[in-house]
Amino acid sequence: MRVSYLALALCLGLSVSGCGQTTGSRTLSGGAMGAAGGAAIGAIAGNAGMGAAIGAGAGIIGGYLYDQHKKGNID
């Protein structure tokens, strides 16, 4: 059950990670949205802090990868 919450938090963080125009803004907004989504899911699972940390990490990575894709550096 815990793994499914983790997977959901990671997917949520990655799905909302692409807002902004620069690498910094896309990375930061991805991290913020991932943290918010992760905290909500973590609260349901019983550990909002852990959910926020996981969501933020996923959002930061997703935001950065989205930025690199938009710049044409990765397919």
PDB file of N, CA and C in Angstrom:
ATOM      1  N   MET A   1       0.824  -1.187   0.000  1.00  0.00           N
ATOM      2  CA  MET A   1       0.000   0.000   0.000  1.00  0.00           C
ATOM      3  C   MET A   1       0.875   1.260   0.000  1.00  0.00           C
ATOM      4  N   ARG A   2       1.941   1.251   0.775  1.00  0.00           N
ATOM      5  CA  ARG A   2       2.830   2.404   0.856  1.00  0.00           C
ATOM      6  C   ARG A   2       3.498   2.685  -0.486  1.00  0.00           C
ATOM      7  N   VAL A   3       3.838   1.626  -1.221  1.00  0.00           N
ATOM      8  CA  VAL A   3       4.485   1.807  -2.517  1.00  0.00           C
ATOM      9  C   VAL A   3       3.535   2.480  -3.499  1.00  0.00           C
ATOM     10  N   SER A   4       2.241   2.164  -3.428  1.00  0.00           N
ATOM     11  CA  SER A   4       1.299   2.785  -4.348  1.00  0.00           C
ATOM     12  C   SER A   4       1.168   4.286  -4.070  1.00  0.00           C
ATOM     13  N   TYR A   5       1.218   4.699  -2.805  1.00  0.00           N
ATOM     14  CA  TYR A   5       1.198   6.126  -2.489  1.00  0.00           C
ATOM     15  C   TYR A   5       2.458   6.815  -2.989  1.00  0.00           C
ATOM     16  N   LEU A   6       3.584   6.144  -2.867  1.00  0.00           N
ATOM     17  CA  LEU A   6       4.841   6.692  -3.363  1.00  0.00           C
ATOM     18  C   LEU A   6       4.786   6.869  -4.874  1.00  0.00           C
ATOM     19  N   ALA A   7       4.298   5.866  -5.569  1.00  0.00           N
ATOM     20  CA  ALA A   7       4.193   5.956  -7.027  1.00  0.00           C
ATOM     21  C   ALA A   7       3.234   7.068  -7.438  1.00  0.00           C
ATOM     22  N   LEU A   8       2.132   7.198  -6.724  1.00  0.00           N
ATOM     23  CA  LEU A   8       1.172   8.252  -7.026  1.00  0.00           C
ATOM     24  C   LEU A   8       1.785   9.632  -6.804  1.00  0.00           C
ATOM     25  N   ALA A   9       2.537   9.794  -5.729  1.00  0.00           N
ATOM     26  CA  ALA A   9       3.191  11.072  -5.448  1.00  0.00           C
ATOM     27  C   ALA A   9       4.210  11.408  -6.530  1.00  0.00           C
ATOM     28  N   LEU A  10       4.962  10.439  -6.972  1.00  0.00           N
ATOM     29  CA  LEU A  10       5.951  10.678  -8.025  1.00  0.00           C
ATOM     30  C   LEU A  10       5.279  11.055  -9.338  1.00  0.00           C
ATOM     31  N   CYS A  11       4.212  10.351  -9.688  1.00  0.00           N
ATOM     32  CA  CYS A  11       3.493  10.666 -10.929  1.00  0.00           C
ATOM     33  C   CYS A  11       2.873  12.054 -10.875  1.00  0.00           C
ATOM     34  N   LEU A  12       2.300  12.389  -9.734  1.00  0.00           N
ATOM     35  CA  LEU A  12       1.703  13.711  -9.586  1.00  0.00           C
ATOM     36  C   LEU A  12       2.760  14.798  -9.711  1.00  0.00           C
ATOM     37  N   GLY A  13       3.881  14.599  -9.066  1.00  0.00           N
ATOM     38  CA  GLY A  13       4.961  15.582  -9.151  1.00  0.00           C
ATOM     39  C   GLY A  13       5.471  15.768 -10.564  1.00  0.00           C
ATOM     40  N   LEU A  14       5.602  14.684 -11.294  1.00  0.00           N
ATOM     41  CA  LEU A  14       6.086  14.773 -12.664  1.00  0.00           C
ATOM     42  C   LEU A  14       5.048  15.361 -13.601  1.00  0.00           C
ATOM     43  N   SER A  15       3.782  15.117 -13.332  1.00  0.00           N
ATOM     44  CA  SER A  15       2.748  15.594 -14.244  1.00  0.00           C
ATOM     45  C   SER A  15       2.531  17.097 -14.161  1.00  0.00           C
ATOM     46  N   VAL A  16       2.866  17.723 -13.050  1.00  0.00           N
ATOM     47  CA  VAL A  16       2.635  19.160 -12.898  1.00  0.00           C
ATOM     48  C   VAL A  16       3.926  19.956 -12.836  1.00  0.00           C
ATOM     49  N   SER A  17       4.965  19.424 -13.399  1.00  0.00           N
ATOM     50  CA  SER A  17       6.270  20.030 -13.175  1.00  0.00           C
ATOM     51  C   SER A  17       6.719  21.016 -14.239  1.00  0.00           C
ATOM     52  N   GLY A  18       5.929  21.292 -15.258  1.00  0.00           N
ATOM     53  CA  GLY A  18       6.468  22.041 -16.377  1.00  0.00           C
ATOM     54  C   GLY A  18       6.079  23.495 -16.518  1.00  0.00           C
ATOM     55  N   CYS A  19       5.708  24.183 -15.483  1.00  0.00           N
ATOM     56  CA  CYS A  19       5.315  25.586 -15.619  1.00  0.00           C
ATOM     57  C   CYS A  19       6.534  26.498 -15.534  1.00  0.00           C
ATOM     58  N   GLY A  20       6.532  27.553 -16.353  1.00  0.00           N
ATOM     59  CA  GLY A  20       7.613  28.526 -16.315  1.00  0.00           C
ATOM     60  C   GLY A  20       8.262  28.692 -17.673  1.00  0.00           C
ATOM     61  N   GLN A  21       9.168  29.656 -17.765  1.00  0.00           N
ATOM     62  CA  GLN A  21       9.841  29.955 -19.022  1.00  0.00           C
ATOM     63  C   GLN A  21      11.343  29.696 -18.977  1.00  0.00           C
ATOM     64  N   THR A  22      11.943  29.702 -17.798  1.00  0.00           N
ATOM     65  CA  THR A  22      13.379  29.481 -17.685  1.00  0.00           C
ATOM     66  C   THR A  22      13.638  28.180 -16.936  1.00  0.00           C
ATOM     67  N   THR A  23      14.872  27.730 -16.994  1.00  0.00           N
ATOM     68  CA  THR A  23      15.217  26.495 -16.282  1.00  0.00           C
ATOM     69  C   THR A  23      14.924  26.630 -14.798  1.00  0.00           C
ATOM     70  N   GLY A  24      15.314  27.745 -14.209  1.00  0.00           N
ATOM     71  CA  GLY A  24      15.087  27.950 -12.779  1.00  0.00           C
ATOM     72  C   GLY A  24      13.620  27.986 -12.408  1.00  0.00           C
ATOM     73  N   SER A  25      12.823  28.708 -13.195  1.00  0.00           N
ATOM     74  CA  SER A  25      11.403  28.821 -12.856  1.00  0.00           C
ATOM     75  C   SER A  25      10.676  27.504 -13.063  1.00  0.00           C
ATOM     76  N   ARG A  26      11.027  26.763 -14.097  1.00  0.00           N
ATOM     77  CA  ARG A  26      10.394  25.462 -14.321  1.00  0.00           C
ATOM     78  C   ARG A  26      10.779  24.470 -13.227  1.00  0.00           C
ATOM     79  N   THR A  27      12.033  24.504 -12.826  1.00  0.00           N
ATOM     80  CA  THR A  27      12.482  23.605 -11.767  1.00  0.00           C
ATOM     81  C   THR A  27      11.836  23.965 -10.437  1.00  0.00           C
ATOM     82  N   LEU A  28      11.813  25.255 -10.116  1.00  0.00           N
ATOM     83  CA  LEU A  28      11.229  25.703  -8.855  1.00  0.00           C
ATOM     84  C   LEU A  28       9.730  25.454  -8.796  1.00  0.00           C
ATOM     85  N   SER A  29       9.015  25.781  -9.866  1.00  0.00           N
ATOM     86  CA  SER A  29       7.568  25.561  -9.852  1.00  0.00           C
ATOM     87  C   SER A  29       7.248  24.073  -9.814  1.00  0.00           C
ATOM     88  N   GLY A  30       8.043  23.267 -10.479  1.00  0.00           N
ATOM     89  CA  GLY A  30       7.842  21.819 -10.407  1.00  0.00           C
ATOM     90  C   GLY A  30       8.030  21.300  -8.997  1.00  0.00           C
ATOM     91  N   GLY A  31       9.049  21.798  -8.324  1.00  0.00           N
ATOM     92  CA  GLY A  31       9.292  21.387  -6.939  1.00  0.00           C
ATOM     93  C   GLY A  31       8.177  21.821  -6.006  1.00  0.00           C
ATOM     94  N   ALA A  32       7.694  23.042  -6.184  1.00  0.00           N
ATOM     95  CA  ALA A  32       6.624  23.550  -5.320  1.00  0.00           C
ATOM     96  C   ALA A  32       5.326  22.783  -5.526  1.00  0.00           C
ATOM     97  N   MET A  33       4.964  22.550  -6.778  1.00  0.00           N
ATOM     98  CA  MET A  33       3.731  21.809  -7.041  1.00  0.00           C
ATOM     99  C   MET A  33       3.862  20.354  -6.612  1.00  0.00           C
ATOM    100  N   GLY A  34       5.029  19.787  -6.809  1.00  0.00           N
ATOM    101  CA  GLY A  34       5.251  18.415  -6.358  1.00  0.00           C
ATOM    102  C   GLY A  34       5.162  18.295  -4.848  1.00  0.00           C
ATOM    103  N   ALA A  35       5.705  19.275  -4.144  1.00  0.00           N
ATOM    104  CA  ALA A  35       5.644  19.263  -2.681  1.00  0.00           C
ATOM    105  C   ALA A  35       4.208  19.375  -2.192  1.00  0.00           C
ATOM    106  N   ALA A  36       3.432  20.243  -2.827  1.00  0.00           N
ATOM    107  CA  ALA A  36       2.032  20.398  -2.424  1.00  0.00           C
ATOM    108  C   ALA A  36       1.246  19.118  -2.675  1.00  0.00           C
ATOM    109  N   GLY A  37       1.406  18.548  -3.834  1.00  0.00           N
ATOM    110  CA  GLY A  37       0.710  17.299  -4.140  1.00  0.00           C
ATOM    111  C   GLY A  37       1.184  16.158  -3.265  1.00  0.00           C
ATOM    112  N   GLY A  38       2.469  16.092  -3.034  1.00  0.00           N
ATOM    113  CA  GLY A  38       3.018  15.046  -2.175  1.00  0.00           C
ATOM    114  C   GLY A  38       2.559  15.167  -0.740  1.00  0.00           C
ATOM    115  N   ALA A  39       2.437  16.402  -0.255  1.00  0.00           N
ATOM    116  CA  ALA A  39       1.951  16.620   1.111  1.00  0.00           C
ATOM    117  C   ALA A  39       0.502  16.163   1.247  1.00  0.00           C
ATOM    118  N   ALA A  40      -0.302  16.458   0.228  1.00  0.00           N
ATOM    119  CA  ALA A  40      -1.701  16.030   0.269  1.00  0.00           C
ATOM    120  C   ALA A  40      -1.808  14.512   0.272  1.00  0.00           C
ATOM    121  N   ILE A  41      -1.062  13.867  -0.585  1.00  0.00           N
ATOM    122  CA  ILE A  41      -1.090  12.413  -0.637  1.00  0.00           C
ATOM    123  C   ILE A  41      -0.478  11.829   0.631  1.00  0.00           C
ATOM    124  N   GLY A  42       0.594  12.433   1.110  1.00  0.00           N
ATOM    125  CA  GLY A  42       1.223  11.976   2.343  1.00  0.00           C
ATOM    126  C   GLY A  42       0.314  12.113   3.548  1.00  0.00           C
ATOM    127  N   ALA A  43      -0.504  13.166   3.579  1.00  0.00           N
ATOM    128  CA  ALA A  43      -1.441  13.340   4.683  1.00  0.00           C
ATOM    129  C   ALA A  43      -2.460  12.214   4.705  1.00  0.00           C
ATOM    130  N   ILE A  44      -2.891  11.792   3.548  1.00  0.00           N
ATOM    131  CA  ILE A  44      -3.821  10.665   3.460  1.00  0.00           C
ATOM    132  C   ILE A  44      -3.141   9.390   3.940  1.00  0.00           C
ATOM    133  N   ALA A  45      -1.874   9.233   3.582  1.00  0.00           N
ATOM    134  CA  ALA A  45      -1.133   8.030   3.953  1.00  0.00           C
ATOM    135  C   ALA A  45      -0.622   8.075   5.390  1.00  0.00           C
ATOM    136  N   GLY A  46      -0.651   9.245   6.031  1.00  0.00           N
ATOM    137  CA  GLY A  46      -0.226   9.343   7.417  1.00  0.00           C
ATOM    138  C   GLY A  46       1.102  10.030   7.653  1.00  0.00           C
ATOM    139  N   ASN A  47       1.774  10.532   6.603  1.00  0.00           N
ATOM    140  CA  ASN A  47       3.055  11.199   6.784  1.00  0.00           C
ATOM    141  C   ASN A  47       3.199  12.312   5.744  1.00  0.00           C
ATOM    142  N   ALA A  48       2.630  13.467   6.045  1.00  0.00           N
ATOM    143  CA  ALA A  48       2.626  14.580   5.097  1.00  0.00           C
ATOM    144  C   ALA A  48       4.035  15.079   4.780  1.00  0.00           C
ATOM    145  N   GLY A  49       4.920  15.091   5.770  1.00  0.00           N
ATOM    146  CA  GLY A  49       6.288  15.559   5.549  1.00  0.00           C
ATOM    147  C   GLY A  49       7.039  14.697   4.558  1.00  0.00           C
ATOM    148  N   MET A  50       6.916  13.400   4.701  1.00  0.00           N
ATOM    149  CA  MET A  50       7.584  12.484   3.772  1.00  0.00           C
ATOM    150  C   MET A  50       6.995  12.630   2.375  1.00  0.00           C
ATOM    151  N   GLY A  51       5.676  12.758   2.285  1.00  0.00           N
ATOM    152  CA  GLY A  51       5.034  12.946   0.983  1.00  0.00           C
ATOM    153  C   GLY A  51       5.490  14.220   0.311  1.00  0.00           C
ATOM    154  N   ALA A  52       5.604  15.295   1.083  1.00  0.00           N
ATOM    155  CA  ALA A  52       6.059  16.571   0.528  1.00  0.00           C
ATOM    156  C   ALA A  52       7.494  16.465   0.023  1.00  0.00           C
ATOM    157  N   ALA A  53       8.339  15.792   0.769  1.00  0.00           N
ATOM    158  CA  ALA A  53       9.738  15.636   0.354  1.00  0.00           C
ATOM    159  C   ALA A  53       9.841  14.820  -0.932  1.00  0.00           C
ATOM    160  N   ILE A  54       9.106  13.744  -1.007  1.00  0.00           N
ATOM    161  CA  ILE A  54       9.126  12.902  -2.209  1.00  0.00           C
ATOM    162  C   ILE A  54       8.551  13.665  -3.391  1.00  0.00           C
ATOM    163  N   GLY A  55       7.421  14.344  -3.176  1.00  0.00           N
ATOM    164  CA  GLY A  55       6.801  15.119  -4.249  1.00  0.00           C
ATOM    165  C   GLY A  55       7.689  16.243  -4.740  1.00  0.00           C
ATOM    166  N   ALA A  56       8.368  16.926  -3.826  1.00  0.00           N
ATOM    167  CA  ALA A  56       9.272  18.012  -4.217  1.00  0.00           C
ATOM    168  C   ALA A  56      10.418  17.481  -5.061  1.00  0.00           C
ATOM    169  N   GLY A  57      10.986  16.372  -4.643  1.00  0.00           N
ATOM    170  CA  GLY A  57      12.080  15.776  -5.416  1.00  0.00           C
ATOM    171  C   GLY A  57      11.638  15.383  -6.814  1.00  0.00           C
ATOM    172  N   ALA A  58      10.474  14.751  -6.898  1.00  0.00           N
ATOM    173  CA  ALA A  58       9.958  14.359  -8.207  1.00  0.00           C
ATOM    174  C   ALA A  58       9.638  15.580  -9.055  1.00  0.00           C
ATOM    175  N   GLY A  59       9.081  16.611  -8.445  1.00  0.00           N
ATOM    176  CA  GLY A  59       8.754  17.833  -9.185  1.00  0.00           C
ATOM    177  C   GLY A  59       9.975  18.565  -9.690  1.00  0.00           C
ATOM    178  N   ILE A  60      11.011  18.629  -8.885  1.00  0.00           N
ATOM    179  CA  ILE A  60      12.257  19.286  -9.301  1.00  0.00           C
ATOM    180  C   ILE A  60      12.870  18.561 -10.493  1.00  0.00           C
ATOM    181  N   ILE A  61      12.941  17.256 -10.395  1.00  0.00           N
ATOM    182  CA  ILE A  61      13.499  16.469 -11.504  1.00  0.00           C
ATOM    183  C   ILE A  61      12.632  16.608 -12.744  1.00  0.00           C
ATOM    184  N   GLY A  62      11.316  16.516 -12.555  1.00  0.00           N
ATOM    185  CA  GLY A  62      10.407  16.643 -13.691  1.00  0.00           C
ATOM    186  C   GLY A  62      10.471  18.015 -14.341  1.00  0.00           C
ATOM    187  N   GLY A  63      10.534  19.061 -13.530  1.00  0.00           N
ATOM    188  CA  GLY A  63      10.631  20.417 -14.071  1.00  0.00           C
ATOM    189  C   GLY A  63      11.903  20.627 -14.867  1.00  0.00           C
ATOM    190  N   TYR A  64      12.999  20.113 -14.360  1.00  0.00           N
ATOM    191  CA  TYR A  64      14.277  20.244 -15.063  1.00  0.00           C
ATOM    192  C   TYR A  64      14.252  19.463 -16.384  1.00  0.00           C
ATOM    193  N   LEU A  65      13.750  18.230 -16.340  1.00  0.00           N
ATOM    194  CA  LEU A  65      13.696  17.428 -17.562  1.00  0.00           C
ATOM    195  C   LEU A  65      12.756  18.046 -18.596  1.00  0.00           C
ATOM    196  N   TYR A  66      11.647  18.600 -18.149  1.00  0.00           N
ATOM    197  CA  TYR A  66      10.728  19.269 -19.067  1.00  0.00           C
ATOM    198  C   TYR A  66      11.410  20.469 -19.719  1.00  0.00           C
ATOM    199  N   ASP A  67      12.145  21.233 -18.941  1.00  0.00           N
ATOM    200  CA  ASP A  67      12.866  22.379 -19.475  1.00  0.00           C
ATOM    201  C   ASP A  67      13.864  21.941 -20.537  1.00  0.00           C
ATOM    202  N   GLN A  68      14.612  20.907 -20.252  1.00  0.00           N
ATOM    203  CA  GLN A  68      15.600  20.419 -21.204  1.00  0.00           C
ATOM    204  C   GLN A  68      14.932  19.910 -22.489  1.00  0.00           C
ATOM    205  N   HIS A  69      13.781  19.287 -22.346  1.00  0.00           N
ATOM    206  CA  HIS A  69      13.039  18.824 -23.514  1.00  0.00           C
ATOM    207  C   HIS A  69      12.561  20.015 -24.357  1.00  0.00           C
ATOM    208  N   LYS A  70      12.019  21.052 -23.710  1.00  0.00           N
ATOM    209  CA  LYS A  70      11.554  22.225 -24.434  1.00  0.00           C
ATOM    210  C   LYS A  70      12.689  22.948 -25.160  1.00  0.00           C
ATOM    211  N   LYS A  71      13.889  22.869 -24.602  1.00  0.00           N
ATOM    212  CA  LYS A  71      15.047  23.485 -25.245  1.00  0.00           C
ATOM    213  C   LYS A  71      15.636  22.617 -26.348  1.00  0.00           C
ATOM    214  N   GLY A  72      15.147  21.395 -26.482  1.00  0.00           N
ATOM    215  CA  GLY A  72      15.638  20.501 -27.520  1.00  0.00           C
ATOM    216  C   GLY A  72      16.868  19.721 -27.140  1.00  0.00           C
ATOM    217  N   ASN A  73      17.250  19.739 -25.868  1.00  0.00           N
ATOM    218  CA  ASN A  73      18.444  19.016 -25.435  1.00  0.00           C
ATOM    219  C   ASN A  73      18.205  17.519 -25.257  1.00  0.00           C
ATOM    220  N   ILE A  74      16.963  17.136 -25.019  1.00  0.00           N
ATOM    221  CA  ILE A  74      16.610  15.719 -24.919  1.00  0.00           C
ATOM    222  C   ILE A  74      15.319  15.491 -25.685  1.00  0.00           C
ATOM    223  N   ASP A  75      15.150  14.288 -26.186  1.00  0.00           N
ATOM    224  CA  ASP A  75      13.939  13.959 -26.956  1.00  0.00           C
ATOM    225  C   ASP A  75      12.810  13.559 -26.075  1.00  0.00           C
TER     226      ASP A  75
END
